[in-house]
Amino acid sequence: MVIRGIRGATTVEHDTETEVMAAVEELMAEMIAANDIDPEMVASVFFSATDDISSVFPAKALRNIEGWRYVPVTCMAEIAVEGALTSCIRVMLHVNTTKSQREIQHIYQAGAKVLRPDLAE
């Protein structure tokens, strides 16, 4: 078993707590299902958000998912790069797994699909 990083990202149309929470919950649900993630196997979760998202910490949405209460989570600001995608929330899960790098499914939703067109379905 090794620790693997699992990436994900999504965007929101409006910076409201309701919309951010819904987008993060949808992203996390897909990441969890696609990678068969048991929260007991998660070492930590890092969220980042662009500076135009300030209505809520994205990590708050993770607490709405059963079993994730004790998983260490933090939020940080995404670096401001000229021309970068806006209204974007990114996540990195550090998971103990027997899966190979190739078997890991990174999930990009909504406008964030442009970040990794090589992973598009």
Protein backbone atom coordinates (compact mmCIF):
# COMPACT_ATOMS: atom_id res chain seq x y z
CA MET A 1 0.00 0.00 0.00
CA VAL A 2 1.23 3.50 -0.89
CA ILE A 3 -0.07 7.05 -0.62
CA ARG A 4 -1.40 8.37 -3.93
CA GLY A 5 -2.65 11.82 -4.79
CA ILE A 6 -6.08 12.06 -6.36
CA ARG A 7 -6.84 15.36 -8.06
CA GLY A 8 -10.14 17.02 -8.77
CA ALA A 9 -11.49 20.43 -9.69
CA THR A 10 -14.74 22.17 -10.45
CA THR A 11 -16.06 25.67 -11.04
CA VAL A 12 -19.08 27.65 -9.88
CA GLU A 13 -21.15 30.25 -11.67
CA HIS A 14 -21.71 32.36 -8.55
CA ASP A 15 -19.84 32.67 -5.26
CA THR A 16 -22.64 31.69 -2.90
CA GLU A 17 -22.37 29.25 -0.03
CA THR A 18 -25.15 27.12 -1.51
CA GLU A 19 -23.53 26.86 -4.94
CA VAL A 20 -20.00 26.26 -3.65
CA MET A 21 -21.19 23.60 -1.21
CA ALA A 22 -23.23 21.82 -3.90
CA ALA A 23 -20.34 21.88 -6.40
CA VAL A 24 -17.85 20.50 -3.88
CA GLU A 25 -20.24 17.80 -2.67
CA GLU A 26 -20.84 16.70 -6.28
CA LEU A 27 -17.11 16.68 -7.03
CA MET A 28 -16.25 14.72 -3.90
CA ALA A 29 -19.04 12.20 -4.46
CA GLU A 30 -17.72 11.43 -7.94
CA MET A 31 -14.10 11.23 -6.75
CA ILE A 32 -15.06 8.88 -3.90
CA ALA A 33 -17.14 6.61 -6.16
CA ALA A 34 -14.66 6.54 -9.05
CA ASN A 35 -11.75 5.60 -6.79
CA ASP A 36 -13.54 3.43 -4.19
CA ILE A 37 -12.33 5.72 -1.39
CA ASP A 38 -12.88 4.75 2.22
CA PRO A 39 -12.36 7.82 4.45
CA GLU A 40 -10.35 5.62 6.86
CA MET A 41 -7.72 5.33 4.10
CA VAL A 42 -7.42 9.08 3.53
CA ALA A 43 -4.34 10.74 5.02
CA SER A 44 -5.41 14.33 4.25
CA VAL A 45 -7.36 16.57 1.89
CA PHE A 46 -6.21 19.93 0.55
CA PHE A 47 -8.67 22.33 -1.09
CA SER A 48 -7.68 25.48 -2.92
CA ALA A 49 -9.93 28.15 -4.37
CA THR A 50 -9.36 31.11 -6.61
CA ASP A 51 -9.55 34.53 -4.95
CA ASP A 52 -13.06 35.17 -6.31
CA ILE A 53 -14.47 32.47 -4.02
CA SER A 54 -14.93 33.70 -0.47
CA SER A 55 -18.48 32.75 0.57
CA VAL A 56 -17.51 29.51 2.35
CA PHE A 57 -14.56 27.21 2.96
CA PRO A 58 -14.80 24.36 0.42
CA ALA A 59 -13.78 21.93 3.18
CA LYS A 60 -17.10 22.57 4.92
CA ALA A 61 -18.85 20.55 2.19
CA LEU A 62 -16.75 17.50 2.97
CA ARG A 63 -18.17 17.43 6.49
CA ASN A 64 -21.63 16.76 4.99
CA ILE A 65 -20.44 13.41 3.64
CA GLU A 66 -20.91 10.44 5.98
CA GLY A 67 -17.67 9.16 7.51
CA TRP A 68 -15.46 12.16 6.71
CA ARG A 69 -15.71 13.93 10.09
CA TYR A 70 -12.22 12.99 11.31
CA VAL A 71 -10.30 13.28 8.03
CA PRO A 72 -7.75 16.15 8.21
CA VAL A 73 -8.77 18.88 5.77
CA THR A 74 -7.40 22.32 4.98
CA CYS A 75 -8.16 25.14 2.57
CA MET A 76 -5.78 27.53 0.87
CA ALA A 77 -5.78 30.25 -1.74
CA GLU A 78 -4.90 29.30 -5.29
CA ILE A 79 -2.06 31.42 -6.67
CA ALA A 80 -3.26 34.25 -8.87
CA VAL A 81 -1.90 33.65 -12.37
CA GLU A 82 -2.89 36.05 -15.12
CA GLY A 83 -5.37 34.39 -17.48
CA ALA A 84 -6.00 31.43 -15.18
CA LEU A 85 -9.40 29.82 -14.77
CA THR A 86 -11.63 31.76 -12.37
CA SER A 87 -14.27 30.60 -9.88
CA CYS A 88 -12.35 27.36 -9.52
CA ILE A 89 -12.09 24.97 -6.59
CA ARG A 90 -9.35 22.35 -6.66
CA VAL A 91 -8.82 19.37 -4.37
CA MET A 92 -5.98 16.96 -3.67
CA LEU A 93 -6.76 13.83 -1.69
CA HIS A 94 -3.85 11.85 -0.22
CA VAL A 95 -5.10 8.26 -0.08
CA ASN A 96 -3.53 5.01 1.07
CA THR A 97 -4.22 2.56 -1.74
CA THR A 98 -3.01 -0.47 -3.62
CA LYS A 99 -3.97 1.15 -6.94
CA SER A 100 -1.29 2.15 -9.42
CA GLN A 101 -0.95 5.74 -10.66
CA ARG A 102 -2.57 4.64 -13.92
CA GLU A 103 -5.62 3.25 -12.09
CA ILE A 104 -6.32 6.50 -10.21
CA GLN A 105 -9.21 8.48 -11.68
CA HIS A 106 -8.78 12.24 -11.39
CA ILE A 107 -12.08 14.10 -11.71
CA TYR A 108 -12.61 17.45 -13.42
CA GLN A 109 -16.12 18.87 -13.61
CA ALA A 110 -17.89 21.91 -15.07
CA GLY A 111 -15.53 24.59 -16.37
CA ALA A 112 -12.53 22.86 -14.77
CA LYS A 113 -12.50 20.23 -17.52
CA VAL A 114 -10.25 22.61 -19.48
CA LEU A 115 -7.51 22.13 -16.88
CA ARG A 116 -6.85 18.53 -17.93
CA PRO A 117 -8.20 17.85 -21.42
CA ASP A 118 -5.94 14.80 -21.54
CA LEU A 119 -8.15 13.20 -18.86
CA ALA A 120 -11.49 14.07 -20.52
CA GLU A 121 -13.80 11.15 -21.19
